[in-house]
Amino acid sequence: MSSAITSMTDSPIAAPADAELRGKKSPTALEYEPPALIKRATPAQAKATRQLIWEAINDLFNQDQVVSREAIREATGLTMSKVDDNVSRLIEDEQIRRVKNGVFVPIPRYDPPRPVYGTMTTDGFFVLEIGDQVITMQPREARQAGALLAGQFVQFSNIQSGHDANYLVNVVWEELKRLKRDLGES
C-alpha cells in the first residue's frame, strides 16, 4: 500500500501540489481564501452582466422574438442561474415585466411628455405646438397628420381591446373550471 502512495507522489500530476504544500503550513480558517471559481462577482461585473442581459432582451424584443429565459441564455451564453437572478432584478427594478412564466417584455421608458396644444386659425391653418416646437399646417397637411395619428389611436385601441378580451376569457375559464370542480366533473 505504501508503494502505491509513493508512486502517486512521484507522478508528474502530483508534483505541483506537493511543491506548493512543501514548506507551507496549512491555512487557518481566517487565512483561507476560496478558489477563484467560488468568488463572487464584483459590482462592475454584475452590472456588466445585467447590461448584457438587458441588451439581449431588447434585441430579441425588437426582432419580434419571444423573450424567454432560454432565448436570453442562448443569446448571452450565461448560465441559467445568472439569467434568472438578473431577470428577477430587472423585474424588481420595473425594467421588464413578465408576460407569462419564463416570458418577458421590456417596459418602454419615455421622457416626460411635453405640453401639446392645437389651434385652428380663421384662415384654415392648423397650429400645433409641442413643447418649444411650433408646426403650422395647411388644411390638407392637418388632415394627413390626423389620419396618421388616428391610425395610431385605432391600433392602440385594438391592442387594449385584445388585452381586455383575453382577461375576460381567462376569468370566465377559471370560473368554469371552478364550477366543474364543485360539481364533481373533470
N, C-alpha and C. Protein backbone atom coordinates (compact mmCIF):
# COMPACT_ATOMS: atom_id res chain seq x y z
N MET A 1 0.82 -1.19 0.00
CA MET A 1 0.00 0.00 0.00
C MET A 1 0.86 1.25 0.00
N SER A 2 1.94 1.22 0.76
CA SER A 2 2.81 2.38 0.80
C SER A 2 3.49 2.61 -0.54
N SER A 3 3.71 1.54 -1.33
CA SER A 3 4.30 1.71 -2.65
C SER A 3 3.36 2.46 -3.58
N ALA A 4 2.03 2.24 -3.42
CA ALA A 4 1.06 2.95 -4.24
C ALA A 4 1.08 4.43 -3.92
N ILE A 5 1.20 4.73 -2.64
CA ILE A 5 1.23 6.13 -2.23
C ILE A 5 2.51 6.79 -2.72
N THR A 6 3.61 6.08 -2.60
CA THR A 6 4.88 6.62 -3.05
C THR A 6 4.86 6.87 -4.55
N SER A 7 4.30 5.91 -5.31
CA SER A 7 4.27 6.10 -6.76
C SER A 7 3.37 7.26 -7.15
N MET A 8 2.32 7.54 -6.38
CA MET A 8 1.44 8.66 -6.69
C MET A 8 2.15 9.99 -6.45
N THR A 9 2.96 10.04 -5.40
CA THR A 9 3.65 11.30 -5.12
C THR A 9 4.78 11.54 -6.10
N ASP A 10 5.27 10.48 -6.73
CA ASP A 10 6.32 10.64 -7.72
C ASP A 10 5.77 11.01 -9.09
N SER A 11 4.45 10.93 -9.28
CA SER A 11 3.88 11.20 -10.60
C SER A 11 3.96 12.70 -10.91
N PRO A 12 4.03 13.05 -12.20
CA PRO A 12 4.12 14.47 -12.55
C PRO A 12 2.86 15.25 -12.19
N ILE A 13 1.72 14.60 -12.10
CA ILE A 13 0.47 15.29 -11.76
C ILE A 13 0.49 15.75 -10.32
N ALA A 14 1.02 14.92 -9.42
CA ALA A 14 1.01 15.26 -8.01
C ALA A 14 2.14 16.21 -7.64
N ALA A 15 3.14 16.32 -8.47
CA ALA A 15 4.31 17.12 -8.13
C ALA A 15 4.00 18.59 -7.85
N PRO A 16 3.20 19.30 -8.70
CA PRO A 16 2.94 20.71 -8.39
C PRO A 16 2.23 20.91 -7.07
N ALA A 17 1.30 20.01 -6.74
CA ALA A 17 0.58 20.15 -5.48
C ALA A 17 1.53 19.95 -4.32
N ASP A 18 2.45 18.95 -4.46
CA ASP A 18 3.41 18.72 -3.39
C ASP A 18 4.33 19.92 -3.24
N ALA A 19 4.76 20.50 -4.36
CA ALA A 19 5.66 21.64 -4.30
C ALA A 19 5.00 22.83 -3.62
N GLU A 20 3.72 23.02 -3.86
CA GLU A 20 3.00 24.13 -3.23
C GLU A 20 2.90 23.95 -1.74
N LEU A 21 2.70 22.70 -1.29
CA LEU A 21 2.50 22.44 0.13
C LEU A 21 3.81 22.36 0.90
N ARG A 22 4.92 22.05 0.23
CA ARG A 22 6.20 21.94 0.94
C ARG A 22 6.60 23.29 1.52
N GLY A 23 6.93 23.28 2.75
CA GLY A 23 7.42 24.49 3.39
C GLY A 23 6.32 25.45 3.79
N LYS A 24 5.07 25.10 3.57
CA LYS A 24 3.96 25.98 3.97
C LYS A 24 3.11 25.25 4.98
N LYS A 25 2.68 25.97 5.96
CA LYS A 25 1.74 25.35 6.90
C LYS A 25 0.34 25.45 6.33
N SER A 26 -0.52 24.61 6.79
CA SER A 26 -1.89 24.63 6.27
C SER A 26 -2.58 25.90 6.77
N PRO A 27 -3.41 26.56 5.92
CA PRO A 27 -4.03 27.84 6.32
C PRO A 27 -5.07 27.64 7.40
N THR A 28 -5.19 28.62 8.27
CA THR A 28 -6.25 28.59 9.26
C THR A 28 -7.53 29.07 8.60
N ALA A 29 -8.63 28.99 9.31
CA ALA A 29 -9.92 29.39 8.75
C ALA A 29 -9.92 30.86 8.35
N LEU A 30 -9.20 31.70 9.10
CA LEU A 30 -9.18 33.12 8.78
C LEU A 30 -8.30 33.42 7.57
N GLU A 31 -7.30 32.59 7.32
CA GLU A 31 -6.40 32.81 6.21
C GLU A 31 -6.91 32.20 4.91
N TYR A 32 -7.88 31.33 5.01
CA TYR A 32 -8.33 30.59 3.83
C TYR A 32 -9.03 31.52 2.85
N GLU A 33 -8.66 31.43 1.60
CA GLU A 33 -9.31 32.19 0.54
C GLU A 33 -9.91 31.18 -0.43
N PRO A 34 -11.19 31.30 -0.74
CA PRO A 34 -11.81 30.30 -1.62
C PRO A 34 -11.20 30.33 -3.01
N PRO A 35 -11.29 29.21 -3.72
CA PRO A 35 -10.77 29.19 -5.09
C PRO A 35 -11.46 30.23 -5.95
N ALA A 36 -10.84 30.59 -7.07
CA ALA A 36 -11.36 31.65 -7.94
C ALA A 36 -12.75 31.33 -8.46
N LEU A 37 -13.09 30.06 -8.63
CA LEU A 37 -14.40 29.71 -9.17
C LEU A 37 -15.53 30.03 -8.20
N ILE A 38 -15.24 30.12 -6.93
CA ILE A 38 -16.29 30.34 -5.93
C ILE A 38 -16.44 31.82 -5.60
N LYS A 39 -15.47 32.64 -5.95
CA LYS A 39 -15.53 34.07 -5.60
C LYS A 39 -16.74 34.73 -6.24
N ARG A 40 -17.30 35.68 -5.52
CA ARG A 40 -18.44 36.45 -6.01
C ARG A 40 -17.99 37.45 -7.05
N ALA A 41 -18.93 37.80 -7.95
CA ALA A 41 -18.64 38.80 -8.97
C ALA A 41 -18.55 40.17 -8.32
N THR A 42 -17.70 41.00 -8.85
CA THR A 42 -17.59 42.37 -8.36
C THR A 42 -18.83 43.13 -8.81
N PRO A 43 -19.13 44.27 -8.18
CA PRO A 43 -20.29 45.04 -8.63
C PRO A 43 -20.20 45.44 -10.11
N ALA A 44 -19.00 45.73 -10.58
CA ALA A 44 -18.84 46.10 -12.00
C ALA A 44 -19.17 44.92 -12.91
N GLN A 45 -18.74 43.71 -12.50
CA GLN A 45 -19.04 42.52 -13.29
C GLN A 45 -20.54 42.24 -13.28
N ALA A 46 -21.17 42.39 -12.11
CA ALA A 46 -22.61 42.16 -12.01
C ALA A 46 -23.37 43.15 -12.88
N LYS A 47 -22.92 44.41 -12.89
CA LYS A 47 -23.57 45.43 -13.70
C LYS A 47 -23.39 45.12 -15.19
N ALA A 48 -22.21 44.65 -15.57
CA ALA A 48 -21.96 44.30 -16.97
C ALA A 48 -22.83 43.12 -17.39
N THR A 49 -23.00 42.16 -16.49
CA THR A 49 -23.85 41.00 -16.79
C THR A 49 -25.29 41.44 -16.96
N ARG A 50 -25.78 42.29 -16.05
CA ARG A 50 -27.16 42.77 -16.15
C ARG A 50 -27.35 43.58 -17.44
N GLN A 51 -26.36 44.39 -17.81
CA GLN A 51 -26.44 45.17 -19.04
C GLN A 51 -26.49 44.25 -20.25
N LEU A 52 -25.69 43.19 -20.23
CA LEU A 52 -25.68 42.21 -21.32
C LEU A 52 -27.06 41.55 -21.47
N ILE A 53 -27.65 41.19 -20.34
CA ILE A 53 -28.98 40.57 -20.37
C ILE A 53 -30.03 41.57 -20.83
N TRP A 54 -29.94 42.83 -20.35
CA TRP A 54 -30.88 43.88 -20.75
C TRP A 54 -30.81 44.10 -22.26
N GLU A 55 -29.60 44.15 -22.81
CA GLU A 55 -29.44 44.34 -24.25
C GLU A 55 -29.98 43.15 -25.04
N ALA A 56 -29.77 41.94 -24.53
CA ALA A 56 -30.30 40.75 -25.20
C ALA A 56 -31.83 40.77 -25.20
N ILE A 57 -32.45 41.17 -24.10
CA ILE A 57 -33.91 41.25 -24.02
C ILE A 57 -34.42 42.25 -25.05
N ASN A 58 -33.80 43.42 -25.11
CA ASN A 58 -34.23 44.44 -26.07
C ASN A 58 -34.03 43.99 -27.50
N ASP A 59 -32.87 43.36 -27.78
CA ASP A 59 -32.61 42.88 -29.14
C ASP A 59 -33.64 41.83 -29.56
N LEU A 60 -33.91 40.88 -28.68
CA LEU A 60 -34.90 39.84 -29.00
C LEU A 60 -36.28 40.47 -29.22
N PHE A 61 -36.66 41.38 -28.34
CA PHE A 61 -37.97 42.02 -28.44
C PHE A 61 -38.09 42.83 -29.72
N ASN A 62 -37.05 43.59 -30.07
CA ASN A 62 -37.08 44.42 -31.27
C ASN A 62 -37.08 43.60 -32.56
N GLN A 63 -36.65 42.34 -32.47
CA GLN A 63 -36.68 41.45 -33.62
C GLN A 63 -37.93 40.58 -33.63
N ASP A 64 -38.92 40.95 -32.80
CA ASP A 64 -40.19 40.22 -32.68
C ASP A 64 -39.98 38.76 -32.30
N GLN A 65 -38.96 38.50 -31.48
CA GLN A 65 -38.70 37.16 -30.97
C GLN A 65 -39.34 37.04 -29.59
N VAL A 66 -39.65 35.82 -29.20
CA VAL A 66 -40.16 35.58 -27.85
C VAL A 66 -38.98 35.72 -26.89
N VAL A 67 -39.13 36.57 -25.89
CA VAL A 67 -38.06 36.82 -24.92
C VAL A 67 -38.27 35.86 -23.76
N SER A 68 -37.73 34.65 -23.93
CA SER A 68 -37.84 33.63 -22.89
C SER A 68 -36.51 33.48 -22.17
N ARG A 69 -36.53 32.79 -21.04
CA ARG A 69 -35.30 32.54 -20.29
C ARG A 69 -34.29 31.82 -21.17
N GLU A 70 -34.77 30.83 -21.91
CA GLU A 70 -33.88 30.04 -22.77
C GLU A 70 -33.29 30.90 -23.88
N ALA A 71 -34.11 31.78 -24.47
CA ALA A 71 -33.62 32.65 -25.54
C ALA A 71 -32.57 33.61 -25.00
N ILE A 72 -32.77 34.13 -23.80
CA ILE A 72 -31.79 35.03 -23.18
C ILE A 72 -30.49 34.27 -22.93
N ARG A 73 -30.61 33.04 -22.41
CA ARG A 73 -29.42 32.23 -22.14
C ARG A 73 -28.65 31.96 -23.42
N GLU A 74 -29.37 31.61 -24.49
CA GLU A 74 -28.71 31.34 -25.76
C GLU A 74 -28.05 32.60 -26.34
N ALA A 75 -28.72 33.74 -26.19
CA ALA A 75 -28.19 34.99 -26.75
C ALA A 75 -26.96 35.48 -25.99
N THR A 76 -26.91 35.23 -24.68
CA THR A 76 -25.81 35.75 -23.86
C THR A 76 -24.73 34.73 -23.58
N GLY A 77 -25.08 33.45 -23.59
CA GLY A 77 -24.12 32.41 -23.24
C GLY A 77 -23.93 32.27 -21.74
N LEU A 78 -24.75 32.94 -20.95
CA LEU A 78 -24.64 32.88 -19.49
C LEU A 78 -25.38 31.65 -18.96
N THR A 79 -25.09 31.29 -17.71
CA THR A 79 -25.80 30.17 -17.10
C THR A 79 -27.23 30.59 -16.78
N MET A 80 -28.09 29.59 -16.65
CA MET A 80 -29.50 29.87 -16.37
C MET A 80 -29.66 30.55 -15.01
N SER A 81 -28.83 30.21 -14.03
CA SER A 81 -28.96 30.86 -12.72
C SER A 81 -28.62 32.35 -12.81
N LYS A 82 -27.60 32.72 -13.60
CA LYS A 82 -27.28 34.15 -13.76
C LYS A 82 -28.40 34.86 -14.50
N VAL A 83 -28.97 34.20 -15.50
CA VAL A 83 -30.09 34.80 -16.24
C VAL A 83 -31.25 35.03 -15.29
N ASP A 84 -31.61 34.00 -14.50
CA ASP A 84 -32.75 34.11 -13.58
C ASP A 84 -32.53 35.21 -12.54
N ASP A 85 -31.32 35.26 -11.95
CA ASP A 85 -31.04 36.29 -10.94
C ASP A 85 -31.19 37.69 -11.52
N ASN A 86 -30.61 37.91 -12.68
CA ASN A 86 -30.66 39.25 -13.28
C ASN A 86 -32.04 39.59 -13.80
N VAL A 87 -32.77 38.62 -14.34
CA VAL A 87 -34.14 38.87 -14.79
C VAL A 87 -35.01 39.25 -13.59
N SER A 88 -34.82 38.56 -12.45
CA SER A 88 -35.58 38.91 -11.24
C SER A 88 -35.31 40.34 -10.82
N ARG A 89 -34.05 40.75 -10.89
CA ARG A 89 -33.71 42.13 -10.52
C ARG A 89 -34.29 43.14 -11.51
N LEU A 90 -34.29 42.80 -12.80
CA LEU A 90 -34.87 43.69 -13.80
C LEU A 90 -36.38 43.83 -13.59
N ILE A 91 -37.03 42.76 -13.15
CA ILE A 91 -38.47 42.84 -12.84
C ILE A 91 -38.69 43.73 -11.63
N GLU A 92 -37.86 43.53 -10.57
CA GLU A 92 -37.97 44.37 -9.36
C GLU A 92 -37.74 45.84 -9.68
N ASP A 93 -36.80 46.11 -10.60
CA ASP A 93 -36.49 47.49 -10.98
C ASP A 93 -37.48 48.05 -12.00
N GLU A 94 -38.50 47.27 -12.34
CA GLU A 94 -39.54 47.64 -13.30
C GLU A 94 -38.98 48.02 -14.66
N GLN A 95 -37.94 47.28 -15.09
CA GLN A 95 -37.41 47.48 -16.43
C GLN A 95 -38.03 46.49 -17.41
N ILE A 96 -38.48 45.34 -16.90
CA ILE A 96 -39.19 44.36 -17.72
C ILE A 96 -40.39 43.87 -16.94
N ARG A 97 -41.34 43.26 -17.66
CA ARG A 97 -42.48 42.64 -16.97
C ARG A 97 -42.66 41.24 -17.51
N ARG A 98 -43.20 40.39 -16.66
CA ARG A 98 -43.43 39.00 -17.01
C ARG A 98 -44.77 38.89 -17.73
N VAL A 99 -44.76 38.37 -18.95
CA VAL A 99 -45.98 38.16 -19.72
C VAL A 99 -46.64 36.87 -19.25
N LYS A 100 -45.84 35.83 -19.12
CA LYS A 100 -46.25 34.56 -18.53
C LYS A 100 -44.99 33.90 -18.02
N ASN A 101 -45.10 32.74 -17.40
CA ASN A 101 -43.92 32.10 -16.83
C ASN A 101 -42.80 31.96 -17.85
N GLY A 102 -41.66 32.57 -17.55
CA GLY A 102 -40.49 32.44 -18.39
C GLY A 102 -40.46 33.32 -19.63
N VAL A 103 -41.47 34.20 -19.81
CA VAL A 103 -41.52 35.07 -20.99
C VAL A 103 -41.65 36.52 -20.50
N PHE A 104 -40.82 37.40 -21.07
CA PHE A 104 -40.74 38.77 -20.58
C PHE A 104 -40.79 39.76 -21.73
N VAL A 105 -41.15 41.00 -21.42
CA VAL A 105 -41.07 42.10 -22.38
C VAL A 105 -40.51 43.32 -21.65
N PRO A 106 -39.74 44.13 -22.36
CA PRO A 106 -39.24 45.35 -21.71
C PRO A 106 -40.37 46.36 -21.52
N ILE A 107 -40.27 47.12 -20.45
CA ILE A 107 -41.24 48.19 -20.20
C ILE A 107 -40.70 49.44 -20.87
N PRO A 108 -41.45 50.02 -21.81
CA PRO A 108 -40.92 51.20 -22.51
C PRO A 108 -40.73 52.38 -21.56
N ARG A 109 -39.66 53.09 -21.78
CA ARG A 109 -39.36 54.29 -20.99
C ARG A 109 -39.38 55.50 -21.92
N TYR A 110 -40.17 56.47 -21.57
CA TYR A 110 -40.26 57.69 -22.36
C TYR A 110 -39.91 58.87 -21.48
N ASP A 111 -39.42 59.92 -22.12
CA ASP A 111 -39.21 61.17 -21.39
C ASP A 111 -40.57 61.70 -20.96
N PRO A 112 -40.60 62.54 -19.94
CA PRO A 112 -41.89 63.12 -19.54
C PRO A 112 -42.52 63.84 -20.73
N PRO A 113 -43.84 63.72 -20.89
CA PRO A 113 -44.48 64.34 -22.05
C PRO A 113 -44.38 65.86 -22.01
N ARG A 114 -44.20 66.41 -23.18
CA ARG A 114 -44.16 67.86 -23.32
C ARG A 114 -45.60 68.36 -23.49
N PRO A 115 -45.86 69.60 -23.15
CA PRO A 115 -47.22 70.12 -23.35
C PRO A 115 -47.54 70.20 -24.85
N VAL A 116 -48.77 69.82 -25.19
CA VAL A 116 -49.21 69.83 -26.59
C VAL A 116 -50.47 70.70 -26.69
N TYR A 117 -50.45 71.63 -27.65
CA TYR A 117 -51.60 72.50 -27.89
C TYR A 117 -51.89 72.52 -29.38
N GLY A 118 -53.14 72.58 -29.72
CA GLY A 118 -53.54 72.71 -31.12
C GLY A 118 -54.54 73.84 -31.28
N THR A 119 -54.39 74.59 -32.36
CA THR A 119 -55.26 75.72 -32.63
C THR A 119 -55.62 75.74 -34.11
N MET A 120 -56.90 76.00 -34.41
CA MET A 120 -57.33 76.17 -35.79
C MET A 120 -57.48 77.68 -36.01
N THR A 121 -56.75 78.20 -37.01
CA THR A 121 -56.81 79.63 -37.28
C THR A 121 -58.03 79.93 -38.15
N THR A 122 -58.42 81.22 -38.24
CA THR A 122 -59.60 81.61 -39.02
C THR A 122 -59.41 81.40 -40.51
N ASP A 123 -58.16 81.38 -40.99
CA ASP A 123 -57.94 81.18 -42.43
C ASP A 123 -57.71 79.71 -42.78
N GLY A 124 -58.00 78.77 -41.83
CA GLY A 124 -57.96 77.34 -42.12
C GLY A 124 -56.67 76.64 -41.75
N PHE A 125 -55.69 77.36 -41.30
CA PHE A 125 -54.43 76.71 -40.91
C PHE A 125 -54.59 76.09 -39.53
N PHE A 126 -53.80 75.07 -39.30
CA PHE A 126 -53.80 74.39 -38.00
C PHE A 126 -52.42 74.58 -37.40
N VAL A 127 -52.37 75.12 -36.17
CA VAL A 127 -51.11 75.35 -35.48
C VAL A 127 -50.99 74.33 -34.36
N LEU A 128 -49.94 73.54 -34.43
CA LEU A 128 -49.68 72.50 -33.43
C LEU A 128 -48.42 72.90 -32.68
N GLU A 129 -48.52 72.99 -31.36
CA GLU A 129 -47.37 73.32 -30.52
C GLU A 129 -47.06 72.12 -29.65
N ILE A 130 -45.82 71.64 -29.76
CA ILE A 130 -45.34 70.52 -28.94
C ILE A 130 -44.09 71.00 -28.23
N GLY A 131 -44.21 71.25 -26.95
CA GLY A 131 -43.08 71.81 -26.20
C GLY A 131 -42.69 73.14 -26.80
N ASP A 132 -41.44 73.27 -27.23
CA ASP A 132 -40.94 74.51 -27.82
C ASP A 132 -41.12 74.56 -29.32
N GLN A 133 -41.56 73.47 -29.93
CA GLN A 133 -41.71 73.42 -31.38
C GLN A 133 -43.12 73.85 -31.79
N VAL A 134 -43.19 74.65 -32.86
CA VAL A 134 -44.46 75.10 -33.39
C VAL A 134 -44.53 74.66 -34.85
N ILE A 135 -45.60 73.96 -35.18
CA ILE A 135 -45.80 73.49 -36.55
C ILE A 135 -47.08 74.11 -37.07
N THR A 136 -46.99 74.81 -38.18
CA THR A 136 -48.16 75.40 -38.82
C THR A 136 -48.45 74.58 -40.07
N MET A 137 -49.67 74.01 -40.13
CA MET A 137 -50.02 73.13 -41.24
C MET A 137 -51.18 73.70 -42.05
N GLN A 138 -51.12 73.48 -43.37
CA GLN A 138 -52.24 73.79 -44.23
C GLN A 138 -53.34 72.77 -43.94
N PRO A 139 -54.58 73.06 -44.34
CA PRO A 139 -55.68 72.13 -44.06
C PRO A 139 -55.40 70.69 -44.54
N ARG A 140 -54.83 70.55 -45.74
CA ARG A 140 -54.55 69.20 -46.25
C ARG A 140 -53.50 68.50 -45.39
N GLU A 141 -52.45 69.21 -44.98
CA GLU A 141 -51.42 68.63 -44.13
C GLU A 141 -51.99 68.20 -42.77
N ALA A 142 -52.89 69.04 -42.24
CA ALA A 142 -53.52 68.71 -40.96
C ALA A 142 -54.35 67.43 -41.08
N ARG A 143 -55.08 67.28 -42.21
CA ARG A 143 -55.87 66.04 -42.42
C ARG A 143 -54.95 64.83 -42.51
N GLN A 144 -53.83 64.97 -43.22
CA GLN A 144 -52.89 63.86 -43.35
C GLN A 144 -52.29 63.48 -41.98
N ALA A 145 -51.91 64.49 -41.22
CA ALA A 145 -51.37 64.22 -39.88
C ALA A 145 -52.43 63.57 -39.00
N GLY A 146 -53.66 64.04 -39.11
CA GLY A 146 -54.76 63.45 -38.34
C GLY A 146 -54.99 62.00 -38.71
N ALA A 147 -54.92 61.68 -40.02
CA ALA A 147 -55.10 60.30 -40.45
C ALA A 147 -54.00 59.41 -39.87
N LEU A 148 -52.76 59.92 -39.86
CA LEU A 148 -51.65 59.13 -39.30
C LEU A 148 -51.86 58.90 -37.80
N LEU A 149 -52.22 59.96 -37.10
CA LEU A 149 -52.44 59.82 -35.66
C LEU A 149 -53.66 58.96 -35.35
N ALA A 150 -54.69 59.05 -36.17
CA ALA A 150 -55.88 58.22 -35.97
C ALA A 150 -55.51 56.75 -36.07
N GLY A 151 -54.64 56.43 -37.02
CA GLY A 151 -54.18 55.04 -37.14
C GLY A 151 -53.49 54.56 -35.88
N GLN A 152 -52.68 55.41 -35.27
CA GLN A 152 -52.02 55.06 -34.01
C GLN A 152 -53.04 54.82 -32.90
N PHE A 153 -54.05 55.69 -32.84
CA PHE A 153 -55.07 55.55 -31.80
C PHE A 153 -55.90 54.28 -32.01
N VAL A 154 -56.25 53.99 -33.26
CA VAL A 154 -57.01 52.77 -33.54
C VAL A 154 -56.18 51.54 -33.19
N GLN A 155 -54.91 51.55 -33.54
CA GLN A 155 -54.04 50.42 -33.22
C GLN A 155 -53.95 50.23 -31.71
N PHE A 156 -53.75 51.31 -30.97
CA PHE A 156 -53.69 51.21 -29.51
C PHE A 156 -55.01 50.68 -28.96
N SER A 157 -56.13 51.18 -29.50
CA SER A 157 -57.44 50.73 -29.05
C SER A 157 -57.63 49.23 -29.30
N ASN A 158 -57.18 48.77 -30.47
CA ASN A 158 -57.30 47.34 -30.78
C ASN A 158 -56.44 46.49 -29.86
N ILE A 159 -55.25 46.95 -29.56
CA ILE A 159 -54.38 46.21 -28.64
C ILE A 159 -55.02 46.13 -27.27
N GLN A 160 -55.53 47.26 -26.79
CA GLN A 160 -56.16 47.27 -25.47
C GLN A 160 -57.40 46.39 -25.44
N SER A 161 -58.19 46.41 -26.51
CA SER A 161 -59.38 45.56 -26.59
C SER A 161 -58.99 44.09 -26.54
N GLY A 162 -57.90 43.74 -27.23
CA GLY A 162 -57.42 42.36 -27.20
C GLY A 162 -57.01 41.93 -25.81
N HIS A 163 -56.30 42.81 -25.09
CA HIS A 163 -55.90 42.50 -23.71
C HIS A 163 -57.13 42.33 -22.82
N ASP A 164 -58.10 43.24 -22.98
CA ASP A 164 -59.32 43.16 -22.17
C ASP A 164 -60.09 41.87 -22.45
N ALA A 165 -60.19 41.50 -23.74
CA ALA A 165 -60.91 40.26 -24.10
C ALA A 165 -60.18 39.04 -23.55
N ASN A 166 -58.86 39.01 -23.64
CA ASN A 166 -58.10 37.88 -23.09
C ASN A 166 -58.28 37.77 -21.59
N TYR A 167 -58.30 38.90 -20.90
CA TYR A 167 -58.51 38.88 -19.46
C TYR A 167 -59.89 38.32 -19.12
N LEU A 168 -60.92 38.78 -19.83
CA LEU A 168 -62.27 38.30 -19.55
C LEU A 168 -62.41 36.81 -19.86
N VAL A 169 -61.81 36.35 -20.96
CA VAL A 169 -61.86 34.91 -21.29
C VAL A 169 -61.18 34.11 -20.20
N ASN A 170 -60.06 34.60 -19.70
CA ASN A 170 -59.35 33.90 -18.63
C ASN A 170 -60.18 33.83 -17.36
N VAL A 171 -60.84 34.93 -17.00
CA VAL A 171 -61.69 34.95 -15.80
C VAL A 171 -62.85 33.96 -15.95
N VAL A 172 -63.50 33.97 -17.11
CA VAL A 172 -64.63 33.05 -17.34
C VAL A 172 -64.14 31.61 -17.32
N TRP A 173 -62.99 31.35 -17.94
CA TRP A 173 -62.43 29.99 -17.98
C TRP A 173 -62.12 29.48 -16.57
N GLU A 174 -61.51 30.32 -15.76
CA GLU A 174 -61.21 29.92 -14.38
C GLU A 174 -62.49 29.66 -13.59
N GLU A 175 -63.50 30.49 -13.79
CA GLU A 175 -64.78 30.29 -13.10
C GLU A 175 -65.45 28.99 -13.55
N LEU A 176 -65.38 28.71 -14.84
CA LEU A 176 -65.94 27.46 -15.37
C LEU A 176 -65.22 26.26 -14.78
N LYS A 177 -63.90 26.32 -14.70
CA LYS A 177 -63.15 25.21 -14.09
C LYS A 177 -63.54 25.02 -12.63
N ARG A 178 -63.72 26.14 -11.91
CA ARG A 178 -64.11 26.05 -10.52
C ARG A 178 -65.49 25.43 -10.37
N LEU A 179 -66.43 25.84 -11.22
CA LEU A 179 -67.78 25.27 -11.17
C LEU A 179 -67.78 23.78 -11.49
N LYS A 180 -67.02 23.37 -12.50
CA LYS A 180 -66.93 21.95 -12.84
C LYS A 180 -66.34 21.16 -11.68
N ARG A 181 -65.34 21.73 -11.03
CA ARG A 181 -64.71 21.05 -9.88
C ARG A 181 -65.73 20.91 -8.75
N ASP A 182 -66.52 21.97 -8.51
CA ASP A 182 -67.53 21.92 -7.45
C ASP A 182 -68.63 20.91 -7.76
N LEU A 183 -68.93 20.74 -9.05
CA LEU A 183 -69.98 19.78 -9.43
C LEU A 183 -69.44 18.36 -9.54
N GLY A 184 -68.15 18.20 -9.42
CA GLY A 184 -67.55 16.87 -9.49
C GLY A 184 -67.23 16.42 -10.88
N GLU A 185 -67.31 17.29 -11.86
CA GLU A 185 -66.96 16.94 -13.24
C GLU A 185 -65.47 17.26 -13.42
N SER A 186 -64.85 16.54 -14.33
CA SER A 186 -63.43 16.83 -14.60
C SER A 186 -63.29 17.65 -15.79
